[in-house]
């Protein structure tokens, strides 16, 4: 499962049964490899684990009009909250 490979604030998303707000736009090597930049509407995954986002090495998806992203551990889904 892809959630088993994603970490935010030291929490492995696939192991969590609660809600995890992806509310930071920065990575931390060994602790955070998924981030959301609200200003740029960009969800990013640091695939190579170097702690930085590089378009050629990592993954991103532009979520136009999205204000926040939350991972729900109970059913392994992401909730996207729209800008007002």
C-alpha atoms as a PDB file:
ATOM      1  CA  UNK A   1       0.000   0.000   0.000  1.00  0.00           C
ATOM      2  CA  UNK A   2       1.349   3.429  -0.913  1.00  0.00           C
ATOM      3  CA  UNK A   3       0.350   4.866   2.482  1.00  0.00           C
ATOM      4  CA  UNK A   4       2.924   2.556   4.091  1.00  0.00           C
ATOM      5  CA  UNK A   5       5.634   4.503   2.247  1.00  0.00           C
ATOM      6  CA  UNK A   6       4.379   7.985   3.216  1.00  0.00           C
ATOM      7  CA  UNK A   7       5.467   9.760   6.407  1.00  0.00           C
ATOM      8  CA  UNK A   8       4.383  13.048   7.940  1.00  0.00           C
ATOM      9  CA  UNK A   9       5.919  14.298  11.181  1.00  0.00           C
ATOM     10  CA  UNK A  10       7.350  10.858  11.915  1.00  0.00           C
ATOM     11  CA  UNK A  11       3.959   9.145  11.434  1.00  0.00           C
ATOM     12  CA  UNK A  12       3.788   6.405   8.801  1.00  0.00           C
ATOM     13  CA  UNK A  13       0.416   7.107   7.225  1.00  0.00           C
ATOM     14  CA  UNK A  14      -0.352   3.434   6.591  1.00  0.00           C
ATOM     15  CA  UNK A  15       0.097   2.633  10.295  1.00  0.00           C
ATOM     16  CA  UNK A  16      -2.131   5.441  11.527  1.00  0.00           C
ATOM     17  CA  UNK A  17      -5.815   4.900  12.226  1.00  0.00           C
ATOM     18  CA  UNK A  18      -6.677   8.540  12.860  1.00  0.00           C
ATOM     19  CA  UNK A  19      -6.579  11.709  10.802  1.00  0.00           C
ATOM     20  CA  UNK A  20      -3.275  13.294   9.794  1.00  0.00           C
ATOM     21  CA  UNK A  21      -3.366  16.856   8.454  1.00  0.00           C
ATOM     22  CA  UNK A  22      -0.759  17.309   5.723  1.00  0.00           C
ATOM     23  CA  UNK A  23      -0.326  20.938   6.708  1.00  0.00           C
ATOM     24  CA  UNK A  24       3.287  21.721   5.943  1.00  0.00           C
ATOM     25  CA  UNK A  25       5.035  22.534   2.707  1.00  0.00           C
ATOM     26  CA  UNK A  26       8.441  21.270   3.833  1.00  0.00           C
ATOM     27  CA  UNK A  27      10.110  17.874   4.024  1.00  0.00           C
ATOM     28  CA  UNK A  28      12.254  16.425   6.826  1.00  0.00           C
ATOM     29  CA  UNK A  29      14.621  13.593   5.894  1.00  0.00           C
ATOM     30  CA  UNK A  30      13.519  10.388   7.638  1.00  0.00           C
ATOM     31  CA  UNK A  31      10.389  11.994   9.102  1.00  0.00           C
ATOM     32  CA  UNK A  32       8.302  13.725   6.428  1.00  0.00           C
ATOM     33  CA  UNK A  33       8.138  12.809   2.741  1.00  0.00           C
ATOM     34  CA  UNK A  34       4.685  14.190   1.879  1.00  0.00           C
ATOM     35  CA  UNK A  35       3.835  17.889   1.969  1.00  0.00           C
ATOM     36  CA  UNK A  36       1.135  20.282   0.841  1.00  0.00           C
ATOM     37  CA  UNK A  37       1.834  23.866  -0.238  1.00  0.00           C
ATOM     38  CA  UNK A  38      -1.461  25.708   0.235  1.00  0.00           C
ATOM     39  CA  UNK A  39      -0.252  28.889  -1.494  1.00  0.00           C
ATOM     40  CA  UNK A  40       0.742  26.936  -4.606  1.00  0.00           C
ATOM     41  CA  UNK A  41      -2.008  24.277  -4.351  1.00  0.00           C
ATOM     42  CA  UNK A  42       0.679  21.610  -4.696  1.00  0.00           C
ATOM     43  CA  UNK A  43       0.739  18.169  -3.045  1.00  0.00           C
ATOM     44  CA  UNK A  44       4.304  16.862  -3.154  1.00  0.00           C
ATOM     45  CA  UNK A  45       5.962  13.518  -2.386  1.00  0.00           C
ATOM     46  CA  UNK A  46       9.725  13.300  -1.873  1.00  0.00           C
ATOM     47  CA  UNK A  47      10.320  10.003  -3.692  1.00  0.00           C
ATOM     48  CA  UNK A  48      14.095   9.950  -3.485  1.00  0.00           C
ATOM     49  CA  UNK A  49      14.222  10.848   0.226  1.00  0.00           C
ATOM     50  CA  UNK A  50      16.662  13.743  -0.059  1.00  0.00           C
ATOM     51  CA  UNK A  51      14.449  16.178   1.876  1.00  0.00           C
ATOM     52  CA  UNK A  52      13.821  18.537  -1.037  1.00  0.00           C
ATOM     53  CA  UNK A  53      11.343  18.689  -3.878  1.00  0.00           C
ATOM     54  CA  UNK A  54      12.850  18.320  -7.346  1.00  0.00           C
ATOM     55  CA  UNK A  55      10.371  18.059 -10.206  1.00  0.00           C
ATOM     56  CA  UNK A  56      12.483  15.541 -12.133  1.00  0.00           C
ATOM     57  CA  UNK A  57      13.003  13.201  -9.176  1.00  0.00           C
ATOM     58  CA  UNK A  58       9.860  13.518  -7.094  1.00  0.00           C
ATOM     59  CA  UNK A  59       6.058  13.483  -7.508  1.00  0.00           C
ATOM     60  CA  UNK A  60       3.578  16.349  -7.353  1.00  0.00           C
ATOM     61  CA  UNK A  61      -0.013  17.006  -8.205  1.00  0.00           C
ATOM     62  CA  UNK A  62      -1.530  20.468  -8.627  1.00  0.00           C
ATOM     63  CA  UNK A  63      -4.744  20.651  -6.596  1.00  0.00           C
ATOM     64  CA  UNK A  64      -6.325  23.870  -7.849  1.00  0.00           C
ATOM     65  CA  UNK A  65      -8.622  25.485  -5.279  1.00  0.00           C
ATOM     66  CA  UNK A  66      -7.678  23.140  -2.432  1.00  0.00           C
ATOM     67  CA  UNK A  67      -7.026  24.714   0.982  1.00  0.00           C
ATOM     68  CA  UNK A  68      -5.983  21.621   2.977  1.00  0.00           C
ATOM     69  CA  UNK A  69      -5.244  17.917   2.694  1.00  0.00           C
ATOM     70  CA  UNK A  70      -5.980  15.359   5.429  1.00  0.00           C
ATOM     71  CA  UNK A  71      -5.181  11.647   5.386  1.00  0.00           C
ATOM     72  CA  UNK A  72      -7.817   9.405   7.014  1.00  0.00           C
ATOM     73  CA  UNK A  73      -6.188   6.272   8.386  1.00  0.00           C
ATOM     74  CA  UNK A  74      -9.427   4.372   9.019  1.00  0.00           C
ATOM     75  CA  UNK A  75     -10.163   3.983   5.315  1.00  0.00           C
ATOM     76  CA  UNK A  76      -6.836   5.075   3.749  1.00  0.00           C
ATOM     77  CA  UNK A  77      -8.298   8.085   1.949  1.00  0.00           C
ATOM     78  CA  UNK A  78      -7.336  11.708   1.499  1.00  0.00           C
ATOM     79  CA  UNK A  79      -9.823  14.480   2.196  1.00  0.00           C
ATOM     80  CA  UNK A  80      -9.398  17.705   0.213  1.00  0.00           C
ATOM     81  CA  UNK A  81     -10.933  20.862   1.680  1.00  0.00           C
ATOM     82  CA  UNK A  82     -11.660  23.550  -0.902  1.00  0.00           C
ATOM     83  CA  UNK A  83     -10.739  27.209  -0.615  1.00  0.00           C
ATOM     84  CA  UNK A  84     -13.661  29.359   0.534  1.00  0.00           C
END
